[in-house]
Amino acid sequence: MDTLIFGGLLVGLWAMFRERPRRLVLGVWWVVLVVTLVLLAHHITSGLSLGLSY
């Protein structure tokens, strides 16, 4: 998930330096935010049995 966030921010930064429209930059940020939240929700609710017991 960190790679996804970093990649999205990098694409947004690239779009700003290439002087792309503001909508594109904001669109990239929103897409990265939504995808990150969906992945986070999936990982929180998934039943991973990591074998950790304290």
C-alpha atoms as a PDB file:
ATOM      1  CA  MET A   1       0.000   0.000   0.000  1.00  0.00           C
ATOM      2  CA  ASP A   2       2.928   2.317   0.645  1.00  0.00           C
ATOM      3  CA  THR A   3       4.083   1.804  -2.924  1.00  0.00           C
ATOM      4  CA  LEU A   4       0.638   2.740  -4.206  1.00  0.00           C
ATOM      5  CA  ILE A   5       0.607   5.959  -2.164  1.00  0.00           C
ATOM      6  CA  PHE A   6       4.151   6.872  -3.175  1.00  0.00           C
ATOM      7  CA  GLY A   7       3.446   6.119  -6.835  1.00  0.00           C
ATOM      8  CA  GLY A   8       0.297   8.223  -6.799  1.00  0.00           C
ATOM      9  CA  LEU A   9       2.074  11.150  -5.199  1.00  0.00           C
ATOM     10  CA  LEU A  10       4.869  10.810  -7.725  1.00  0.00           C
ATOM     11  CA  VAL A  11       2.393  10.899 -10.618  1.00  0.00           C
ATOM     12  CA  GLY A  12       0.724  13.951  -9.068  1.00  0.00           C
ATOM     13  CA  LEU A  13       4.090  15.666  -8.683  1.00  0.00           C
ATOM     14  CA  TRP A  14       4.978  14.795 -12.264  1.00  0.00           C
ATOM     15  CA  ALA A  15       1.655  16.265 -13.443  1.00  0.00           C
ATOM     16  CA  MET A  16       2.339  19.491 -11.523  1.00  0.00           C
ATOM     17  CA  PHE A  17       5.827  19.880 -12.981  1.00  0.00           C
ATOM     18  CA  ARG A  18       4.530  19.207 -16.499  1.00  0.00           C
ATOM     19  CA  GLU A  19       1.962  21.961 -15.849  1.00  0.00           C
ATOM     20  CA  ARG A  20      -1.020  19.723 -16.463  1.00  0.00           C
ATOM     21  CA  PRO A  21      -4.514  20.949 -15.585  1.00  0.00           C
ATOM     22  CA  ARG A  22      -5.349  21.206 -11.891  1.00  0.00           C
ATOM     23  CA  ARG A  23      -8.222  18.753 -12.396  1.00  0.00           C
ATOM     24  CA  LEU A  24      -5.780  16.033 -13.426  1.00  0.00           C
ATOM     25  CA  VAL A  25      -3.636  16.550 -10.329  1.00  0.00           C
ATOM     26  CA  LEU A  26      -6.677  16.560  -8.043  1.00  0.00           C
ATOM     27  CA  GLY A  27      -8.058  13.539  -9.862  1.00  0.00           C
ATOM     28  CA  VAL A  28      -4.858  11.600  -9.243  1.00  0.00           C
ATOM     29  CA  TRP A  29      -4.970  12.497  -5.545  1.00  0.00           C
ATOM     30  CA  TRP A  30      -8.610  11.427  -5.217  1.00  0.00           C
ATOM     31  CA  VAL A  31      -8.046   8.148  -7.060  1.00  0.00           C
ATOM     32  CA  VAL A  32      -5.058   7.320  -4.852  1.00  0.00           C
ATOM     33  CA  LEU A  33      -7.057   8.203  -1.728  1.00  0.00           C
ATOM     34  CA  VAL A  34     -10.033   6.044  -2.716  1.00  0.00           C
ATOM     35  CA  VAL A  35      -7.905   3.061  -3.746  1.00  0.00           C
ATOM     36  CA  THR A  36      -5.889   3.315  -0.528  1.00  0.00           C
ATOM     37  CA  LEU A  37      -9.047   3.420   1.604  1.00  0.00           C
ATOM     38  CA  VAL A  38     -10.522   0.428  -0.233  1.00  0.00           C
ATOM     39  CA  LEU A  39      -7.335  -1.583   0.285  1.00  0.00           C
ATOM     40  CA  LEU A  40      -7.181  -0.543   3.930  1.00  0.00           C
ATOM     41  CA  ALA A  41     -10.785  -1.617   4.493  1.00  0.00           C
ATOM     42  CA  HIS A  42     -10.068  -4.933   2.787  1.00  0.00           C
ATOM     43  CA  HIS A  43      -7.012  -5.623   4.923  1.00  0.00           C
ATOM     44  CA  ILE A  44      -8.728  -4.630   8.161  1.00  0.00           C
ATOM     45  CA  THR A  45     -11.715  -6.896   7.541  1.00  0.00           C
ATOM     46  CA  SER A  46      -9.836  -9.853   6.050  1.00  0.00           C
ATOM     47  CA  GLY A  47      -9.214 -12.837   8.285  1.00  0.00           C
ATOM     48  CA  LEU A  48      -5.451 -13.118   8.260  1.00  0.00           C
ATOM     49  CA  SER A  49      -4.224 -15.759  10.633  1.00  0.00           C
ATOM     50  CA  LEU A  50      -0.657 -14.684  11.167  1.00  0.00           C
ATOM     51  CA  GLY A  51      -0.090 -17.095  14.023  1.00  0.00           C
ATOM     52  CA  LEU A  52       0.668 -14.377  16.547  1.00  0.00           C
ATOM     53  CA  SER A  53      -0.589 -15.103  20.028  1.00  0.00           C
ATOM     54  CA  TYR A  54       0.472 -13.275  23.124  1.00  0.00           C
END
